Amino acid sequence: MLFNLILVGVAFVEANLPIAVLLVATMSYIKKATEVFGWRKPWMLTVAAFLLGFLFAIPEGGIVDYLNFAVTGLFLGFVATGVYDAVKSAVGRK
């Protein structure tokens, strides 16, 4: 079951690559725009990345399957924080 959920998340990210790129660009802009503030902490960017990931994972017809929504939002959050690319490159190395 867990492996199937991981495959759902990976398939969603690969099928919706423009959304993932938009999310990464948005997070890059937020990071750049807020670096002048002294109160900004790194964990705040991580929270913002996952919140935007869940926001971008909402399907057009609304949320029907909450588990798939949670998995796709989580994977988009991983993309936004760079974890997805780090794991992908680590797995690809031999």
PDB file of N, CA and C in Angstrom:
ATOM      1  N   MET A   1       0.817  -1.195   0.000  1.00  0.00           N
ATOM      2  CA  MET A   1       0.000   0.000   0.000  1.00  0.00           C
ATOM      3  C   MET A   1       0.863   1.262   0.000  1.00  0.00           C
ATOM      4  N   LEU A   2       1.887   1.286   0.846  1.00  0.00           N
ATOM      5  CA  LEU A   2       2.756   2.459   0.913  1.00  0.00           C
ATOM      6  C   LEU A   2       3.489   2.669  -0.406  1.00  0.00           C
ATOM      7  N   PHE A   3       3.958   1.569  -0.989  1.00  0.00           N
ATOM      8  CA  PHE A   3       4.654   1.673  -2.267  1.00  0.00           C
ATOM      9  C   PHE A   3       3.729   2.198  -3.356  1.00  0.00           C
ATOM     10  N   ASN A   4       2.477   1.768  -3.337  1.00  0.00           N
ATOM     11  CA  ASN A   4       1.504   2.273  -4.323  1.00  0.00           C
ATOM     12  C   ASN A   4       1.269   3.768  -4.154  1.00  0.00           C
ATOM     13  N   LEU A   5       1.220   4.241  -2.907  1.00  0.00           N
ATOM     14  CA  LEU A   5       1.046   5.670  -2.668  1.00  0.00           C
ATOM     15  C   LEU A   5       2.251   6.463  -3.153  1.00  0.00           C
ATOM     16  N   ILE A   6       3.438   5.910  -2.957  1.00  0.00           N
ATOM     17  CA  ILE A   6       4.645   6.574  -3.460  1.00  0.00           C
ATOM     18  C   ILE A   6       4.602   6.650  -4.986  1.00  0.00           C
ATOM     19  N   LEU A   7       4.173   5.562  -5.618  1.00  0.00           N
ATOM     20  CA  LEU A   7       4.055   5.577  -7.082  1.00  0.00           C
ATOM     21  C   LEU A   7       3.021   6.593  -7.556  1.00  0.00           C
ATOM     22  N   VAL A   8       1.934   6.751  -6.811  1.00  0.00           N
ATOM     23  CA  VAL A   8       0.910   7.760  -7.149  1.00  0.00           C
ATOM     24  C   VAL A   8       1.518   9.150  -7.079  1.00  0.00           C
ATOM     25  N   GLY A   9       2.283   9.422  -6.030  1.00  0.00           N
ATOM     26  CA  GLY A   9       2.915  10.734  -5.879  1.00  0.00           C
ATOM     27  C   GLY A   9       3.915  11.025  -6.972  1.00  0.00           C
ATOM     28  N   VAL A  10       4.746  10.038  -7.302  1.00  0.00           N
ATOM     29  CA  VAL A  10       5.740  10.224  -8.365  1.00  0.00           C
ATOM     30  C   VAL A  10       5.057  10.417  -9.710  1.00  0.00           C
ATOM     31  N   ALA A  11       4.032   9.619  -9.981  1.00  0.00           N
ATOM     32  CA  ALA A  11       3.302   9.756 -11.245  1.00  0.00           C
ATOM     33  C   ALA A  11       2.632  11.120 -11.347  1.00  0.00           C
ATOM     34  N   PHE A  12       2.098  11.623 -10.246  1.00  0.00           N
ATOM     35  CA  PHE A  12       1.455  12.934 -10.262  1.00  0.00           C
ATOM     36  C   PHE A  12       2.466  14.032 -10.577  1.00  0.00           C
ATOM     37  N   VAL A  13       3.623  13.965  -9.941  1.00  0.00           N
ATOM     38  CA  VAL A  13       4.645  14.993 -10.188  1.00  0.00           C
ATOM     39  C   VAL A  13       5.124  14.929 -11.635  1.00  0.00           C
ATOM     40  N   GLU A  14       5.346  13.730 -12.142  1.00  0.00           N
ATOM     41  CA  GLU A  14       5.817  13.600 -13.522  1.00  0.00           C
ATOM     42  C   GLU A  14       4.754  14.004 -14.533  1.00  0.00           C
ATOM     43  N   ALA A  15       3.486  13.735 -14.228  1.00  0.00           N
ATOM     44  CA  ALA A  15       2.407  14.093 -15.154  1.00  0.00           C
ATOM     45  C   ALA A  15       2.093  15.586 -15.116  1.00  0.00           C
ATOM     46  N   ASN A  16       2.391  16.229 -14.012  1.00  0.00           N
ATOM     47  CA  ASN A  16       2.084  17.652 -13.846  1.00  0.00           C
ATOM     48  C   ASN A  16       3.364  18.451 -13.665  1.00  0.00           C
ATOM     49  N   LEU A  17       4.296  18.239 -14.529  1.00  0.00           N
ATOM     50  CA  LEU A  17       5.590  18.910 -14.450  1.00  0.00           C
ATOM     51  C   LEU A  17       5.480  20.434 -14.511  1.00  0.00           C
ATOM     52  N   PRO A  18       4.580  21.018 -15.330  1.00  0.00           N
ATOM     53  CA  PRO A  18       4.458  22.482 -15.301  1.00  0.00           C
ATOM     54  C   PRO A  18       4.047  23.023 -13.928  1.00  0.00           C
ATOM     55  N   ILE A  19       3.198  22.290 -13.214  1.00  0.00           N
ATOM     56  CA  ILE A  19       2.809  22.716 -11.868  1.00  0.00           C
ATOM     57  C   ILE A  19       4.020  22.670 -10.941  1.00  0.00           C
ATOM     58  N   ALA A  20       4.816  21.606 -11.065  1.00  0.00           N
ATOM     59  CA  ALA A  20       6.007  21.475 -10.228  1.00  0.00           C
ATOM     60  C   ALA A  20       7.003  22.597 -10.514  1.00  0.00           C
ATOM     61  N   VAL A  21       7.180  22.927 -11.781  1.00  0.00           N
ATOM     62  CA  VAL A  21       8.101  24.011 -12.142  1.00  0.00           C
ATOM     63  C   VAL A  21       7.570  25.349 -11.622  1.00  0.00           C
ATOM     64  N   LEU A  22       6.278  25.574 -11.757  1.00  0.00           N
ATOM     65  CA  LEU A  22       5.672  26.799 -11.238  1.00  0.00           C
ATOM     66  C   LEU A  22       5.841  26.894  -9.722  1.00  0.00           C
ATOM     67  N   LEU A  23       5.699  25.787  -9.046  1.00  0.00           N
ATOM     68  CA  LEU A  23       5.859  25.759  -7.594  1.00  0.00           C
ATOM     69  C   LEU A  23       7.293  26.060  -7.183  1.00  0.00           C
ATOM     70  N   VAL A  24       8.249  25.476  -7.871  1.00  0.00           N
ATOM     71  CA  VAL A  24       9.659  25.742  -7.574  1.00  0.00           C
ATOM     72  C   VAL A  24       9.993  27.206  -7.845  1.00  0.00           C
ATOM     73  N   ALA A  25       9.484  27.743  -8.947  1.00  0.00           N
ATOM     74  CA  ALA A  25       9.732  29.152  -9.265  1.00  0.00           C
ATOM     75  C   ALA A  25       9.082  30.071  -8.236  1.00  0.00           C
ATOM     76  N   THR A  26       7.887  29.737  -7.800  1.00  0.00           N
ATOM     77  CA  THR A  26       7.209  30.540  -6.784  1.00  0.00           C
ATOM     78  C   THR A  26       7.981  30.529  -5.476  1.00  0.00           C
ATOM     79  N   MET A  27       8.465  29.361  -5.079  1.00  0.00           N
ATOM     80  CA  MET A  27       9.234  29.279  -3.838  1.00  0.00           C
ATOM     81  C   MET A  27      10.569  30.012  -3.968  1.00  0.00           C
ATOM     82  N   SER A  28      11.171  29.973  -5.127  1.00  0.00           N
ATOM     83  CA  SER A  28      12.411  30.709  -5.349  1.00  0.00           C
ATOM     84  C   SER A  28      12.159  32.210  -5.227  1.00  0.00           C
ATOM     85  N   TYR A  29      11.046  32.666  -5.779  1.00  0.00           N
ATOM     86  CA  TYR A  29      10.698  34.078  -5.682  1.00  0.00           C
ATOM     87  C   TYR A  29      10.418  34.474  -4.229  1.00  0.00           C
ATOM     88  N   ILE A  30       9.670  33.639  -3.517  1.00  0.00           N
ATOM     89  CA  ILE A  30       9.370  33.930  -2.108  1.00  0.00           C
ATOM     90  C   ILE A  30      10.653  33.984  -1.288  1.00  0.00           C
ATOM     91  N   LYS A  31      11.553  33.056  -1.547  1.00  0.00           N
ATOM     92  CA  LYS A  31      12.827  33.035  -0.818  1.00  0.00           C
ATOM     93  C   LYS A  31      13.622  34.304  -1.088  1.00  0.00           C
ATOM     94  N   LYS A  32      13.682  34.702  -2.339  1.00  0.00           N
ATOM     95  CA  LYS A  32      14.435  35.902  -2.719  1.00  0.00           C
ATOM     96  C   LYS A  32      13.780  37.161  -2.156  1.00  0.00           C
ATOM     97  N   ALA A  33      12.452  37.222  -2.198  1.00  0.00           N
ATOM     98  CA  ALA A  33      11.742  38.419  -1.758  1.00  0.00           C
ATOM     99  C   ALA A  33      11.759  38.584  -0.240  1.00  0.00           C
ATOM    100  N   THR A  34      11.888  37.498   0.492  1.00  0.00           N
ATOM    101  CA  THR A  34      11.824  37.593   1.952  1.00  0.00           C
ATOM    102  C   THR A  34      13.191  37.514   2.613  1.00  0.00           C
ATOM    103  N   GLU A  35      14.257  37.471   1.850  1.00  0.00           N
ATOM    104  CA  GLU A  35      15.574  37.346   2.484  1.00  0.00           C
ATOM    105  C   GLU A  35      16.010  38.626   3.187  1.00  0.00           C
ATOM    106  N   VAL A  36      15.360  39.733   2.899  1.00  0.00           N
ATOM    107  CA  VAL A  36      15.711  40.997   3.551  1.00  0.00           C
ATOM    108  C   VAL A  36      15.122  41.114   4.954  1.00  0.00           C
ATOM    109  N   PHE A  37      14.151  40.266   5.261  1.00  0.00           N
ATOM    110  CA  PHE A  37      13.519  40.325   6.572  1.00  0.00           C
ATOM    111  C   PHE A  37      14.329  39.527   7.582  1.00  0.00           C
ATOM    112  N   GLY A  38      14.606  40.123   8.709  1.00  0.00           N
ATOM    113  CA  GLY A  38      15.385  39.452   9.734  1.00  0.00           C
ATOM    114  C   GLY A  38      14.611  38.390  10.489  1.00  0.00           C
ATOM    115  N   TRP A  39      13.303  38.461  10.466  1.00  0.00           N
ATOM    116  CA  TRP A  39      12.493  37.509  11.211  1.00  0.00           C
ATOM    117  C   TRP A  39      12.235  36.212  10.460  1.00  0.00           C
ATOM    118  N   ARG A  40      12.590  36.156   9.175  1.00  0.00           N
ATOM    119  CA  ARG A  40      12.329  34.950   8.379  1.00  0.00           C
ATOM    120  C   ARG A  40      13.284  33.834   8.794  1.00  0.00           C
ATOM    121  N   LYS A  41      12.740  32.681   9.073  1.00  0.00           N
ATOM    122  CA  LYS A  41      13.509  31.500   9.446  1.00  0.00           C
ATOM    123  C   LYS A  41      13.383  30.447   8.338  1.00  0.00           C
ATOM    124  N   PRO A  42      14.360  29.533   8.222  1.00  0.00           N
ATOM    125  CA  PRO A  42      14.273  28.494   7.178  1.00  0.00           C
ATOM    126  C   PRO A  42      13.036  27.599   7.299  1.00  0.00           C
ATOM    127  N   TRP A  43      12.590  27.344   8.508  1.00  0.00           N
ATOM    128  CA  TRP A  43      11.421  26.481   8.654  1.00  0.00           C
ATOM    129  C   TRP A  43      10.171  27.139   8.085  1.00  0.00           C
ATOM    130  N   MET A  44      10.153  28.471   8.060  1.00  0.00           N
ATOM    131  CA  MET A  44       9.001  29.175   7.500  1.00  0.00           C
ATOM    132  C   MET A  44       8.893  28.931   5.996  1.00  0.00           C
ATOM    133  N   LEU A  45      10.023  28.871   5.321  1.00  0.00           N
ATOM    134  CA  LEU A  45      10.014  28.573   3.887  1.00  0.00           C
ATOM    135  C   LEU A  45       9.560  27.145   3.632  1.00  0.00           C
ATOM    136  N   THR A  46       9.953  26.226   4.499  1.00  0.00           N
ATOM    137  CA  THR A  46       9.525  24.836   4.354  1.00  0.00           C
ATOM    138  C   THR A  46       8.020  24.711   4.531  1.00  0.00           C
ATOM    139  N   VAL A  47       7.484  25.386   5.527  1.00  0.00           N
ATOM    140  CA  VAL A  47       6.031  25.368   5.753  1.00  0.00           C
ATOM    141  C   VAL A  47       5.308  25.984   4.557  1.00  0.00           C
ATOM    142  N   ALA A  48       5.820  27.099   4.052  1.00  0.00           N
ATOM    143  CA  ALA A  48       5.202  27.738   2.882  1.00  0.00           C
ATOM    144  C   ALA A  48       5.252  26.821   1.664  1.00  0.00           C
ATOM    145  N   ALA A  49       6.356  26.108   1.491  1.00  0.00           N
ATOM    146  CA  ALA A  49       6.483  25.191   0.353  1.00  0.00           C
ATOM    147  C   ALA A  49       5.446  24.077   0.420  1.00  0.00           C
ATOM    148  N   PHE A  50       5.263  23.504   1.601  1.00  0.00           N
ATOM    149  CA  PHE A  50       4.279  22.432   1.722  1.00  0.00           C
ATOM    150  C   PHE A  50       2.848  22.961   1.622  1.00  0.00           C
ATOM    151  N   LEU A  51       2.583  24.145   2.151  1.00  0.00           N
ATOM    152  CA  LEU A  51       1.248  24.720   2.003  1.00  0.00           C
ATOM    153  C   LEU A  51       0.920  24.987   0.540  1.00  0.00           C
ATOM    154  N   LEU A  52       1.880  25.538  -0.193  1.00  0.00           N
ATOM    155  CA  LEU A  52       1.661  25.758  -1.627  1.00  0.00           C
ATOM    156  C   LEU A  52       1.551  24.432  -2.372  1.00  0.00           C
ATOM    157  N   GLY A  53       2.316  23.428  -1.949  1.00  0.00           N
ATOM    158  CA  GLY A  53       2.209  22.101  -2.565  1.00  0.00           C
ATOM    159  C   GLY A  53       0.819  21.529  -2.418  1.00  0.00           C
ATOM    160  N   PHE A  54       0.248  21.646  -1.217  1.00  0.00           N
ATOM    161  CA  PHE A  54      -1.124  21.163  -1.020  1.00  0.00           C
ATOM    162  C   PHE A  54      -2.127  22.019  -1.780  1.00  0.00           C
ATOM    163  N   LEU A  55      -1.885  23.307  -1.863  1.00  0.00           N
ATOM    164  CA  LEU A  55      -2.783  24.184  -2.607  1.00  0.00           C
ATOM    165  C   LEU A  55      -2.775  23.846  -4.096  1.00  0.00           C
ATOM    166  N   PHE A  56      -1.594  23.590  -4.645  1.00  0.00           N
ATOM    167  CA  PHE A  56      -1.486  23.255  -6.063  1.00  0.00           C
ATOM    168  C   PHE A  56      -1.954  21.838  -6.361  1.00  0.00           C
ATOM    169  N   ALA A  57      -2.116  20.994  -5.343  1.00  0.00           N
ATOM    170  CA  ALA A  57      -2.541  19.612  -5.561  1.00  0.00           C
ATOM    171  C   ALA A  57      -4.057  19.449  -5.592  1.00  0.00           C
ATOM    172  N   ILE A  58      -4.796  20.518  -5.340  1.00  0.00           N
ATOM    173  CA  ILE A  58      -6.256  20.419  -5.357  1.00  0.00           C
ATOM    174  C   ILE A  58      -6.710  20.205  -6.801  1.00  0.00           C
ATOM    175  N   PRO A  59      -7.427  19.108  -7.063  1.00  0.00           N
ATOM    176  CA  PRO A  59      -7.884  18.853  -8.434  1.00  0.00           C
ATOM    177  C   PRO A  59      -9.022  19.783  -8.837  1.00  0.00           C
ATOM    178  N   GLU A  60      -9.300  19.836 -10.130  1.00  0.00           N
ATOM    179  CA  GLU A  60     -10.342  20.733 -10.655  1.00  0.00           C
ATOM    180  C   GLU A  60     -11.720  20.417 -10.093  1.00  0.00           C
ATOM    181  N   GLY A  61     -12.026  19.167  -9.959  1.00  0.00           N
ATOM    182  CA  GLY A  61     -13.353  18.766  -9.501  1.00  0.00           C
ATOM    183  C   GLY A  61     -13.510  18.752  -7.995  1.00  0.00           C
ATOM    184  N   GLY A  62     -12.507  19.172  -7.291  1.00  0.00           N
ATOM    185  CA  GLY A  62     -12.555  19.140  -5.828  1.00  0.00           C
ATOM    186  C   GLY A  62     -11.874  17.889  -5.294  1.00  0.00           C
ATOM    187  N   ILE A  63     -11.760  17.845  -4.002  1.00  0.00           N
ATOM    188  CA  ILE A  63     -11.073  16.728  -3.359  1.00  0.00           C
ATOM    189  C   ILE A  63     -12.064  15.589  -3.163  1.00  0.00           C
ATOM    190  N   VAL A  64     -11.815  14.477  -3.847  1.00  0.00           N
ATOM    191  CA  VAL A  64     -12.674  13.305  -3.729  1.00  0.00           C
ATOM    192  C   VAL A  64     -11.976  12.245  -2.877  1.00  0.00           C
ATOM    193  N   ASP A  65     -10.741  11.959  -3.211  1.00  0.00           N
ATOM    194  CA  ASP A  65      -9.959  10.957  -2.482  1.00  0.00           C
ATOM    195  C   ASP A  65      -8.933  11.693  -1.616  1.00  0.00           C
ATOM    196  N   TYR A  66      -9.190  11.742  -0.332  1.00  0.00           N
ATOM    197  CA  TYR A  66      -8.337  12.526   0.572  1.00  0.00           C
ATOM    198  C   TYR A  66      -6.933  11.956   0.696  1.00  0.00           C
ATOM    199  N   LEU A  67      -6.790  10.641   0.605  1.00  0.00           N
ATOM    200  CA  LEU A  67      -5.471  10.038   0.720  1.00  0.00           C
ATOM    201  C   LEU A  67      -4.601  10.401  -0.477  1.00  0.00           C
ATOM    202  N   ASN A  68      -5.160  10.322  -1.678  1.00  0.00           N
ATOM    203  CA  ASN A  68      -4.395  10.712  -2.864  1.00  0.00           C
ATOM    204  C   ASN A  68      -4.069  12.203  -2.837  1.00  0.00           C
ATOM    205  N   PHE A  69      -5.000  13.019  -2.356  1.00  0.00           N
ATOM    206  CA  PHE A  69      -4.731  14.448  -2.229  1.00  0.00           C
ATOM    207  C   PHE A  69      -3.566  14.687  -1.270  1.00  0.00           C
ATOM    208  N   ALA A  70      -3.565  13.983  -0.149  1.00  0.00           N
ATOM    209  CA  ALA A  70      -2.488  14.145   0.830  1.00  0.00           C
ATOM    210  C   ALA A  70      -1.143  13.716   0.245  1.00  0.00           C
ATOM    211  N   VAL A  71      -1.138  12.619  -0.492  1.00  0.00           N
ATOM    212  CA  VAL A  71       0.115  12.125  -1.083  1.00  0.00           C
ATOM    213  C   VAL A  71       0.618  13.083  -2.157  1.00  0.00           C
ATOM    214  N   THR A  72      -0.268  13.541  -3.032  1.00  0.00           N
ATOM    215  CA  THR A  72       0.179  14.441  -4.096  1.00  0.00           C
ATOM    216  C   THR A  72       0.620  15.790  -3.537  1.00  0.00           C
ATOM    217  N   GLY A  73      -0.083  16.280  -2.529  1.00  0.00           N
ATOM    218  CA  GLY A  73       0.339  17.526  -1.881  1.00  0.00           C
ATOM    219  C   GLY A  73       1.677  17.373  -1.191  1.00  0.00           C
ATOM    220  N   LEU A  74       1.885  16.236  -0.554  1.00  0.00           N
ATOM    221  CA  LEU A  74       3.157  15.963   0.108  1.00  0.00           C
ATOM    222  C   LEU A  74       4.300  15.900  -0.907  1.00  0.00           C
ATOM    223  N   PHE A  75       4.067  15.238  -2.021  1.00  0.00           N
ATOM    224  CA  PHE A  75       5.111  15.146  -3.046  1.00  0.00           C
ATOM    225  C   PHE A  75       5.388  16.496  -3.694  1.00  0.00           C
ATOM    226  N   LEU A  76       4.371  17.312  -3.900  1.00  0.00           N
ATOM    227  CA  LEU A  76       4.625  18.653  -4.421  1.00  0.00           C
ATOM    228  C   LEU A  76       5.396  19.483  -3.401  1.00  0.00           C
ATOM    229  N   GLY A  77       5.125  19.278  -2.125  1.00  0.00           N
ATOM    230  CA  GLY A  77       5.914  19.942  -1.089  1.00  0.00           C
ATOM    231  C   GLY A  77       7.362  19.496  -1.125  1.00  0.00           C
ATOM    232  N   PHE A  78       7.580  18.198  -1.368  1.00  0.00           N
ATOM    233  CA  PHE A  78       8.948  17.695  -1.519  1.00  0.00           C
ATOM    234  C   PHE A  78       9.643  18.336  -2.714  1.00  0.00           C
ATOM    235  N   VAL A  79       8.900  18.499  -3.801  1.00  0.00           N
ATOM    236  CA  VAL A  79       9.476  19.152  -4.989  1.00  0.00           C
ATOM    237  C   VAL A  79       9.854  20.585  -4.661  1.00  0.00           C
ATOM    238  N   ALA A  80       8.972  21.283  -3.974  1.00  0.00           N
ATOM    239  CA  ALA A  80       9.206  22.695  -3.672  1.00  0.00           C
ATOM    240  C   ALA A  80      10.391  22.898  -2.745  1.00  0.00           C
ATOM    241  N   THR A  81      10.636  21.955  -1.852  1.00  0.00           N
ATOM    242  CA  THR A  81      11.758  22.094  -0.930  1.00  0.00           C
ATOM    243  C   THR A  81      13.048  21.523  -1.490  1.00  0.00           C
ATOM    244  N   GLY A  82      12.979  20.848  -2.613  1.00  0.00           N
ATOM    245  CA  GLY A  82      14.187  20.283  -3.218  1.00  0.00           C
ATOM    246  C   GLY A  82      14.489  18.872  -2.761  1.00  0.00           C
ATOM    247  N   VAL A  83      13.699  18.318  -1.880  1.00  0.00           N
ATOM    248  CA  VAL A  83      13.937  16.962  -1.391  1.00  0.00           C
ATOM    249  C   VAL A  83      13.752  15.944  -2.511  1.00  0.00           C
ATOM    250  N   TYR A  84      12.748  16.162  -3.361  1.00  0.00           N
ATOM    251  CA  TYR A  84      12.450  15.222  -4.444  1.00  0.00           C
ATOM    252  C   TYR A  84      13.648  15.083  -5.382  1.00  0.00           C
ATOM    253  N   ASP A  85      14.253  16.208  -5.771  1.00  0.00           N
ATOM    254  CA  ASP A  85      15.403  16.162  -6.674  1.00  0.00           C
ATOM    255  C   ASP A  85      16.614  15.520  -6.001  1.00  0.00           C
ATOM    256  N   ALA A  86      16.789  15.785  -4.716  1.00  0.00           N
ATOM    257  CA  ALA A  86      17.918  15.202  -4.000  1.00  0.00           C
ATOM    258  C   ALA A  86      17.789  13.682  -3.917  1.00  0.00           C
ATOM    259  N   VAL A  87      16.600  13.200  -3.611  1.00  0.00           N
ATOM    260  CA  VAL A  87      16.383  11.753  -3.525  1.00  0.00           C
ATOM    261  C   VAL A  87      16.485  11.126  -4.906  1.00  0.00           C
ATOM    262  N   LYS A  88      15.936  11.797  -5.901  1.00  0.00           N
ATOM    263  CA  LYS A  88      15.986  11.271  -7.271  1.00  0.00           C
ATOM    264  C   LYS A  88      17.425  11.135  -7.750  1.00  0.00           C
ATOM    265  N   SER A  89      18.261  12.121  -7.472  1.00  0.00           N
ATOM    266  CA  SER A  89      19.650  12.029  -7.893  1.00  0.00           C
ATOM    267  C   SER A  89      20.425  11.022  -7.058  1.00  0.00           C
ATOM    268  N   ALA A  90      20.078  10.872  -5.789  1.00  0.00           N
ATOM    269  CA  ALA A  90      20.763   9.899  -4.945  1.00  0.00           C
ATOM    270  C   ALA A  90      20.431   8.470  -5.359  1.00  0.00           C
ATOM    271  N   VAL A  91      19.179   8.241  -5.737  1.00  0.00           N
ATOM    272  CA  VAL A  91      18.765   6.903  -6.184  1.00  0.00           C
ATOM    273  C   VAL A  91      19.382   6.578  -7.532  1.00  0.00           C
ATOM    274  N   GLY A  92      19.549   7.588  -8.376  1.00  0.00           N
ATOM    275  CA  GLY A  92      20.106   7.377  -9.713  1.00  0.00           C
ATOM    276  C   GLY A  92      21.591   7.091  -9.720  1.00  0.00           C
ATOM    277  N   ARG A  93      22.294   7.434  -8.650  1.00  0.00           N
ATOM    278  CA  ARG A  93      23.734   7.185  -8.581  1.00  0.00           C
ATOM    279  C   ARG A  93      24.015   5.728  -8.315  1.00  0.00           C
ATOM    280  N   LYS A  94      25.127   5.273  -8.882  1.00  0.00           N
ATOM    281  CA  LYS A  94      25.514   3.862  -8.658  1.00  0.00           C
ATOM    282  C   LYS A  94      26.912   3.802  -8.165  1.00  0.00           C
TER     283      LYS A  94
END
